[in-house]
Amino acid sequence: MSTKFYIKDGIPTINPEDVNELSNFEIIDVRRLEEFTAELGHIESAKLVTLGPDLKNFINKTEKTKQLIFVCRSGGRSGQATQDALSAGFSEVYNMDGGMLKWNALKLPVWREFKIQE
């Protein structure tokens, strides 16, 4: 495991400033659509998969070897999503520490437009 990753409150975690350096990870934003396109915006490559039934379905049908980083507003919901993925058998899943609040505080690029993802 790279030194970019660490354990926080028992959850594998990564700092926002390290997320941009990882091209082999899929970023999953677990907020609602209205949050995804609101003031805090989202990471350009993020896929919106809302916490709840949508996330459960995504976790059940996604290959367990996939490398994922979960994101939300502050890190709480994405921490739960990370735990859910670990419980489902994923091994390389991480929570982005501080969520989009920290991402914005670091002045990293944000997008507010919703684009259809495959």
N, C-alpha and C. Protein backbone atom coordinates (compact mmCIF):
# COMPACT_ATOMS: atom_id res chain seq x y z
N MET A 1 0.85 -1.19 0.00
CA MET A 1 0.00 0.00 0.00
C MET A 1 0.89 1.25 0.00
N SER A 2 0.55 2.19 -0.81
CA SER A 2 1.31 3.43 -0.91
C SER A 2 1.21 4.23 0.39
N THR A 3 2.22 5.07 0.63
CA THR A 3 2.20 5.91 1.83
C THR A 3 1.13 7.00 1.73
N LYS A 4 0.50 7.17 0.57
CA LYS A 4 -0.56 8.16 0.42
C LYS A 4 -1.80 7.75 1.22
N PHE A 5 -1.90 6.48 1.51
CA PHE A 5 -3.06 5.94 2.21
C PHE A 5 -2.76 5.75 3.69
N TYR A 6 -3.75 5.94 4.53
CA TYR A 6 -3.61 5.74 5.97
C TYR A 6 -4.96 5.35 6.55
N ILE A 7 -4.95 4.91 7.78
CA ILE A 7 -6.18 4.52 8.46
C ILE A 7 -6.61 5.65 9.38
N LYS A 8 -7.87 6.07 9.26
CA LYS A 8 -8.44 7.10 10.13
C LYS A 8 -9.77 6.58 10.64
N ASP A 9 -9.92 6.50 11.94
CA ASP A 9 -11.14 5.97 12.56
C ASP A 9 -11.47 4.57 12.02
N GLY A 10 -10.43 3.79 11.76
CA GLY A 10 -10.61 2.42 11.29
C GLY A 10 -10.93 2.29 9.81
N ILE A 11 -10.89 3.40 9.06
CA ILE A 11 -11.27 3.39 7.65
C ILE A 11 -10.05 3.77 6.79
N PRO A 12 -9.76 2.98 5.75
CA PRO A 12 -8.69 3.36 4.82
C PRO A 12 -9.00 4.72 4.20
N THR A 13 -8.04 5.63 4.23
CA THR A 13 -8.27 7.03 3.90
C THR A 13 -7.15 7.57 3.01
N ILE A 14 -7.49 8.60 2.24
CA ILE A 14 -6.52 9.32 1.41
C ILE A 14 -6.83 10.81 1.51
N ASN A 15 -5.79 11.64 1.43
CA ASN A 15 -5.97 13.09 1.44
C ASN A 15 -6.39 13.58 0.05
N PRO A 16 -7.20 14.63 -0.02
CA PRO A 16 -7.65 15.16 -1.31
C PRO A 16 -6.49 15.50 -2.26
N GLU A 17 -5.42 16.09 -1.73
CA GLU A 17 -4.32 16.49 -2.60
C GLU A 17 -3.63 15.31 -3.28
N ASP A 18 -3.81 14.11 -2.75
CA ASP A 18 -3.22 12.91 -3.36
C ASP A 18 -4.14 12.24 -4.38
N VAL A 19 -5.43 12.58 -4.34
CA VAL A 19 -6.41 11.94 -5.22
C VAL A 19 -6.10 12.20 -6.69
N ASN A 20 -5.71 13.41 -7.03
CA ASN A 20 -5.43 13.76 -8.43
C ASN A 20 -4.28 12.97 -9.03
N GLU A 21 -3.39 12.44 -8.19
CA GLU A 21 -2.22 11.71 -8.68
C GLU A 21 -2.53 10.26 -9.00
N LEU A 22 -3.73 9.79 -8.72
CA LEU A 22 -4.06 8.39 -8.89
C LEU A 22 -4.97 8.17 -10.09
N SER A 23 -4.41 7.77 -11.20
CA SER A 23 -5.20 7.58 -12.41
C SER A 23 -5.89 6.22 -12.47
N ASN A 24 -5.43 5.27 -11.66
CA ASN A 24 -5.99 3.92 -11.73
C ASN A 24 -7.18 3.72 -10.78
N PHE A 25 -7.60 4.76 -10.10
CA PHE A 25 -8.72 4.68 -9.17
C PHE A 25 -9.96 5.34 -9.76
N GLU A 26 -11.12 4.75 -9.47
CA GLU A 26 -12.39 5.37 -9.86
C GLU A 26 -12.90 6.15 -8.65
N ILE A 27 -13.32 7.39 -8.89
CA ILE A 27 -13.83 8.24 -7.81
C ILE A 27 -15.35 8.15 -7.81
N ILE A 28 -15.90 7.76 -6.65
CA ILE A 28 -17.35 7.60 -6.50
C ILE A 28 -17.84 8.64 -5.49
N ASP A 29 -18.68 9.54 -5.95
CA ASP A 29 -19.27 10.58 -5.10
C ASP A 29 -20.63 10.07 -4.63
N VAL A 30 -20.82 9.97 -3.30
CA VAL A 30 -22.03 9.35 -2.75
C VAL A 30 -23.09 10.36 -2.30
N ARG A 31 -22.91 11.63 -2.68
CA ARG A 31 -23.91 12.65 -2.31
C ARG A 31 -25.13 12.58 -3.22
N ARG A 32 -26.11 13.42 -2.94
CA ARG A 32 -27.29 13.54 -3.80
C ARG A 32 -26.95 14.44 -4.99
N LEU A 33 -27.72 14.32 -6.07
CA LEU A 33 -27.48 15.10 -7.29
C LEU A 33 -27.43 16.59 -7.00
N GLU A 34 -28.35 17.08 -6.15
CA GLU A 34 -28.38 18.53 -5.89
C GLU A 34 -27.11 19.00 -5.16
N GLU A 35 -26.45 18.12 -4.42
CA GLU A 35 -25.17 18.47 -3.78
C GLU A 35 -24.04 18.41 -4.80
N PHE A 36 -24.10 17.42 -5.66
CA PHE A 36 -23.07 17.15 -6.67
C PHE A 36 -22.88 18.36 -7.59
N THR A 37 -23.98 19.06 -7.88
CA THR A 37 -23.93 20.20 -8.80
C THR A 37 -24.02 21.55 -8.09
N ALA A 38 -24.01 21.55 -6.76
CA ALA A 38 -24.16 22.79 -5.99
C ALA A 38 -22.82 23.51 -5.79
N GLU A 39 -22.79 24.40 -4.83
CA GLU A 39 -21.65 25.28 -4.58
C GLU A 39 -20.32 24.54 -4.44
N LEU A 40 -20.29 23.43 -3.69
CA LEU A 40 -19.04 22.70 -3.50
C LEU A 40 -18.60 21.96 -4.76
N GLY A 41 -19.52 21.72 -5.67
CA GLY A 41 -19.20 21.04 -6.91
C GLY A 41 -18.74 19.61 -6.69
N HIS A 42 -18.02 19.09 -7.67
CA HIS A 42 -17.52 17.72 -7.59
C HIS A 42 -16.20 17.61 -8.36
N ILE A 43 -15.52 16.51 -8.16
CA ILE A 43 -14.29 16.22 -8.89
C ILE A 43 -14.70 15.82 -10.31
N GLU A 44 -13.99 16.35 -11.30
CA GLU A 44 -14.39 16.16 -12.70
C GLU A 44 -14.62 14.70 -13.06
N SER A 45 -13.75 13.81 -12.65
CA SER A 45 -13.86 12.40 -13.04
C SER A 45 -14.79 11.58 -12.14
N ALA A 46 -15.39 12.24 -11.15
CA ALA A 46 -16.23 11.50 -10.19
C ALA A 46 -17.51 10.98 -10.83
N LYS A 47 -17.90 9.80 -10.40
CA LYS A 47 -19.16 9.19 -10.81
C LYS A 47 -20.13 9.33 -9.64
N LEU A 48 -21.32 9.82 -9.91
CA LEU A 48 -22.33 10.00 -8.86
C LEU A 48 -23.07 8.68 -8.62
N VAL A 49 -22.92 8.15 -7.41
CA VAL A 49 -23.63 6.93 -6.98
C VAL A 49 -24.12 7.21 -5.56
N THR A 50 -25.34 7.69 -5.44
CA THR A 50 -25.90 8.15 -4.17
C THR A 50 -25.92 7.05 -3.11
N LEU A 51 -25.54 7.42 -1.89
CA LEU A 51 -25.57 6.51 -0.76
C LEU A 51 -26.98 5.96 -0.58
N GLY A 52 -27.09 4.68 -0.31
CA GLY A 52 -28.39 4.02 -0.16
C GLY A 52 -28.51 2.92 -1.20
N PRO A 53 -29.73 2.73 -1.75
CA PRO A 53 -29.94 1.64 -2.72
C PRO A 53 -29.03 1.72 -3.95
N ASP A 54 -28.78 2.94 -4.45
CA ASP A 54 -27.90 3.08 -5.63
C ASP A 54 -26.50 2.56 -5.34
N LEU A 55 -25.97 2.94 -4.18
CA LEU A 55 -24.63 2.49 -3.82
C LEU A 55 -24.61 0.98 -3.58
N LYS A 56 -25.62 0.48 -2.92
CA LYS A 56 -25.69 -0.96 -2.65
C LYS A 56 -25.69 -1.74 -3.97
N ASN A 57 -26.47 -1.28 -4.94
CA ASN A 57 -26.51 -1.91 -6.26
C ASN A 57 -25.15 -1.83 -6.95
N PHE A 58 -24.52 -0.66 -6.88
CA PHE A 58 -23.19 -0.46 -7.49
C PHE A 58 -22.18 -1.42 -6.88
N ILE A 59 -22.16 -1.52 -5.55
CA ILE A 59 -21.22 -2.40 -4.86
C ILE A 59 -21.46 -3.86 -5.24
N ASN A 60 -22.73 -4.25 -5.33
CA ASN A 60 -23.05 -5.64 -5.66
C ASN A 60 -22.66 -6.04 -7.08
N LYS A 61 -22.72 -5.09 -8.03
CA LYS A 61 -22.45 -5.46 -9.42
C LYS A 61 -21.04 -5.08 -9.89
N THR A 62 -20.25 -4.42 -9.06
CA THR A 62 -18.91 -4.00 -9.45
C THR A 62 -17.88 -5.06 -9.08
N GLU A 63 -16.92 -5.24 -9.97
CA GLU A 63 -15.83 -6.18 -9.74
C GLU A 63 -15.08 -5.81 -8.45
N LYS A 64 -14.88 -6.78 -7.59
CA LYS A 64 -14.30 -6.53 -6.27
C LYS A 64 -12.83 -6.13 -6.32
N THR A 65 -12.19 -6.30 -7.48
CA THR A 65 -10.79 -5.90 -7.63
C THR A 65 -10.65 -4.44 -8.02
N LYS A 66 -11.77 -3.78 -8.31
CA LYS A 66 -11.75 -2.38 -8.71
C LYS A 66 -11.21 -1.50 -7.58
N GLN A 67 -10.43 -0.50 -7.94
CA GLN A 67 -9.87 0.43 -6.96
C GLN A 67 -10.76 1.68 -6.92
N LEU A 68 -11.31 1.96 -5.73
CA LEU A 68 -12.28 3.04 -5.59
C LEU A 68 -11.89 4.03 -4.51
N ILE A 69 -12.23 5.30 -4.74
CA ILE A 69 -12.12 6.34 -3.72
C ILE A 69 -13.51 6.93 -3.58
N PHE A 70 -14.04 6.92 -2.35
CA PHE A 70 -15.38 7.46 -2.08
C PHE A 70 -15.26 8.89 -1.56
N VAL A 71 -16.20 9.74 -2.02
CA VAL A 71 -16.20 11.17 -1.70
C VAL A 71 -17.61 11.59 -1.31
N CYS A 72 -17.70 12.53 -0.34
CA CYS A 72 -18.98 13.17 -0.01
C CYS A 72 -18.69 14.61 0.40
N ARG A 73 -19.56 15.23 1.15
CA ARG A 73 -19.37 16.62 1.56
C ARG A 73 -18.20 16.78 2.54
N SER A 74 -18.20 15.96 3.61
CA SER A 74 -17.19 16.14 4.65
C SER A 74 -16.41 14.87 5.01
N GLY A 75 -16.80 13.74 4.46
CA GLY A 75 -16.09 12.49 4.72
C GLY A 75 -16.88 11.47 5.52
N GLY A 76 -18.03 11.84 6.05
CA GLY A 76 -18.83 10.92 6.85
C GLY A 76 -19.54 9.86 6.03
N ARG A 77 -20.33 10.30 5.06
CA ARG A 77 -21.06 9.34 4.22
C ARG A 77 -20.11 8.51 3.37
N SER A 78 -19.05 9.13 2.89
CA SER A 78 -18.09 8.37 2.07
C SER A 78 -17.32 7.38 2.94
N GLY A 79 -17.16 7.69 4.23
CA GLY A 79 -16.56 6.74 5.16
C GLY A 79 -17.44 5.51 5.31
N GLN A 80 -18.75 5.73 5.40
CA GLN A 80 -19.71 4.63 5.48
C GLN A 80 -19.67 3.81 4.19
N ALA A 81 -19.60 4.48 3.05
CA ALA A 81 -19.53 3.79 1.76
C ALA A 81 -18.27 2.94 1.67
N THR A 82 -17.16 3.47 2.17
CA THR A 82 -15.90 2.71 2.18
C THR A 82 -16.05 1.46 3.02
N GLN A 83 -16.65 1.60 4.21
CA GLN A 83 -16.89 0.44 5.08
C GLN A 83 -17.80 -0.58 4.39
N ASP A 84 -18.85 -0.11 3.73
CA ASP A 84 -19.78 -1.00 3.02
C ASP A 84 -19.04 -1.78 1.93
N ALA A 85 -18.18 -1.10 1.19
CA ALA A 85 -17.42 -1.76 0.12
C ALA A 85 -16.44 -2.79 0.70
N LEU A 86 -15.79 -2.44 1.79
CA LEU A 86 -14.89 -3.40 2.44
C LEU A 86 -15.65 -4.63 2.90
N SER A 87 -16.81 -4.42 3.50
CA SER A 87 -17.65 -5.53 3.97
C SER A 87 -18.12 -6.42 2.82
N ALA A 88 -18.25 -5.82 1.63
CA ALA A 88 -18.70 -6.57 0.45
C ALA A 88 -17.56 -7.32 -0.24
N GLY A 89 -16.32 -7.13 0.25
CA GLY A 89 -15.20 -7.88 -0.31
C GLY A 89 -14.20 -7.08 -1.12
N PHE A 90 -14.38 -5.77 -1.24
CA PHE A 90 -13.37 -4.94 -1.92
C PHE A 90 -12.14 -4.83 -1.02
N SER A 91 -10.97 -4.73 -1.63
CA SER A 91 -9.75 -4.60 -0.82
C SER A 91 -9.05 -3.26 -1.02
N GLU A 92 -9.26 -2.62 -2.17
CA GLU A 92 -8.61 -1.34 -2.42
C GLU A 92 -9.63 -0.23 -2.57
N VAL A 93 -10.22 0.15 -1.43
CA VAL A 93 -11.20 1.23 -1.39
C VAL A 93 -10.80 2.20 -0.28
N TYR A 94 -11.01 3.49 -0.54
CA TYR A 94 -10.55 4.52 0.38
C TYR A 94 -11.56 5.65 0.48
N ASN A 95 -11.56 6.30 1.63
CA ASN A 95 -12.38 7.46 1.89
C ASN A 95 -11.52 8.71 1.68
N MET A 96 -12.04 9.71 0.94
CA MET A 96 -11.28 10.96 0.80
C MET A 96 -11.50 11.81 2.05
N ASP A 97 -10.46 12.01 2.80
CA ASP A 97 -10.50 12.75 4.06
C ASP A 97 -11.01 14.18 3.87
N GLY A 98 -12.01 14.55 4.65
CA GLY A 98 -12.52 15.92 4.62
C GLY A 98 -13.50 16.21 3.50
N GLY A 99 -13.68 15.28 2.59
CA GLY A 99 -14.64 15.43 1.51
C GLY A 99 -14.44 16.66 0.65
N MET A 100 -15.52 17.10 0.03
CA MET A 100 -15.46 18.25 -0.87
C MET A 100 -15.21 19.56 -0.11
N LEU A 101 -15.50 19.59 1.18
CA LEU A 101 -15.17 20.79 1.97
C LEU A 101 -13.66 21.01 1.97
N LYS A 102 -12.91 19.94 2.24
CA LYS A 102 -11.44 20.05 2.26
C LYS A 102 -10.91 20.25 0.85
N TRP A 103 -11.48 19.56 -0.14
CA TRP A 103 -11.08 19.71 -1.54
C TRP A 103 -11.17 21.19 -1.95
N ASN A 104 -12.30 21.84 -1.62
CA ASN A 104 -12.49 23.26 -1.93
C ASN A 104 -11.54 24.15 -1.14
N ALA A 105 -11.32 23.83 0.13
CA ALA A 105 -10.41 24.62 0.97
C ALA A 105 -8.99 24.61 0.40
N LEU A 106 -8.62 23.51 -0.24
CA LEU A 106 -7.29 23.38 -0.86
C LEU A 106 -7.26 24.01 -2.26
N LYS A 107 -8.41 24.56 -2.68
CA LYS A 107 -8.55 25.22 -3.99
C LYS A 107 -8.22 24.28 -5.16
N LEU A 108 -8.63 23.02 -5.01
CA LEU A 108 -8.48 22.05 -6.09
C LEU A 108 -9.64 22.26 -7.07
N PRO A 109 -9.48 21.86 -8.33
CA PRO A 109 -10.51 22.16 -9.35
C PRO A 109 -11.85 21.46 -9.07
N VAL A 110 -12.92 22.22 -9.26
CA VAL A 110 -14.27 21.67 -9.08
C VAL A 110 -15.10 21.87 -10.33
N TRP A 111 -16.07 20.99 -10.50
CA TRP A 111 -17.03 21.04 -11.60
C TRP A 111 -18.41 21.08 -11.00
N ARG A 112 -19.31 21.74 -11.66
CA ARG A 112 -20.69 21.83 -11.16
C ARG A 112 -21.70 21.30 -12.16
N GLU A 113 -21.25 21.00 -13.36
CA GLU A 113 -22.16 20.50 -14.39
C GLU A 113 -22.30 18.99 -14.23
N PHE A 114 -23.52 18.52 -14.48
CA PHE A 114 -23.76 17.08 -14.42
C PHE A 114 -23.64 16.51 -15.81
N LYS A 115 -22.80 15.49 -15.95
CA LYS A 115 -22.70 14.81 -17.23
C LYS A 115 -23.08 13.35 -17.02
N ILE A 116 -23.74 12.77 -17.97
CA ILE A 116 -24.17 11.38 -17.89
C ILE A 116 -22.94 10.49 -17.90
N GLN A 117 -22.87 9.58 -16.92
CA GLN A 117 -21.74 8.66 -16.81
C GLN A 117 -22.18 7.28 -17.22
N GLU A 118 -21.25 6.51 -17.72
CA GLU A 118 -21.57 5.12 -18.09
C GLU A 118 -21.34 4.18 -16.93
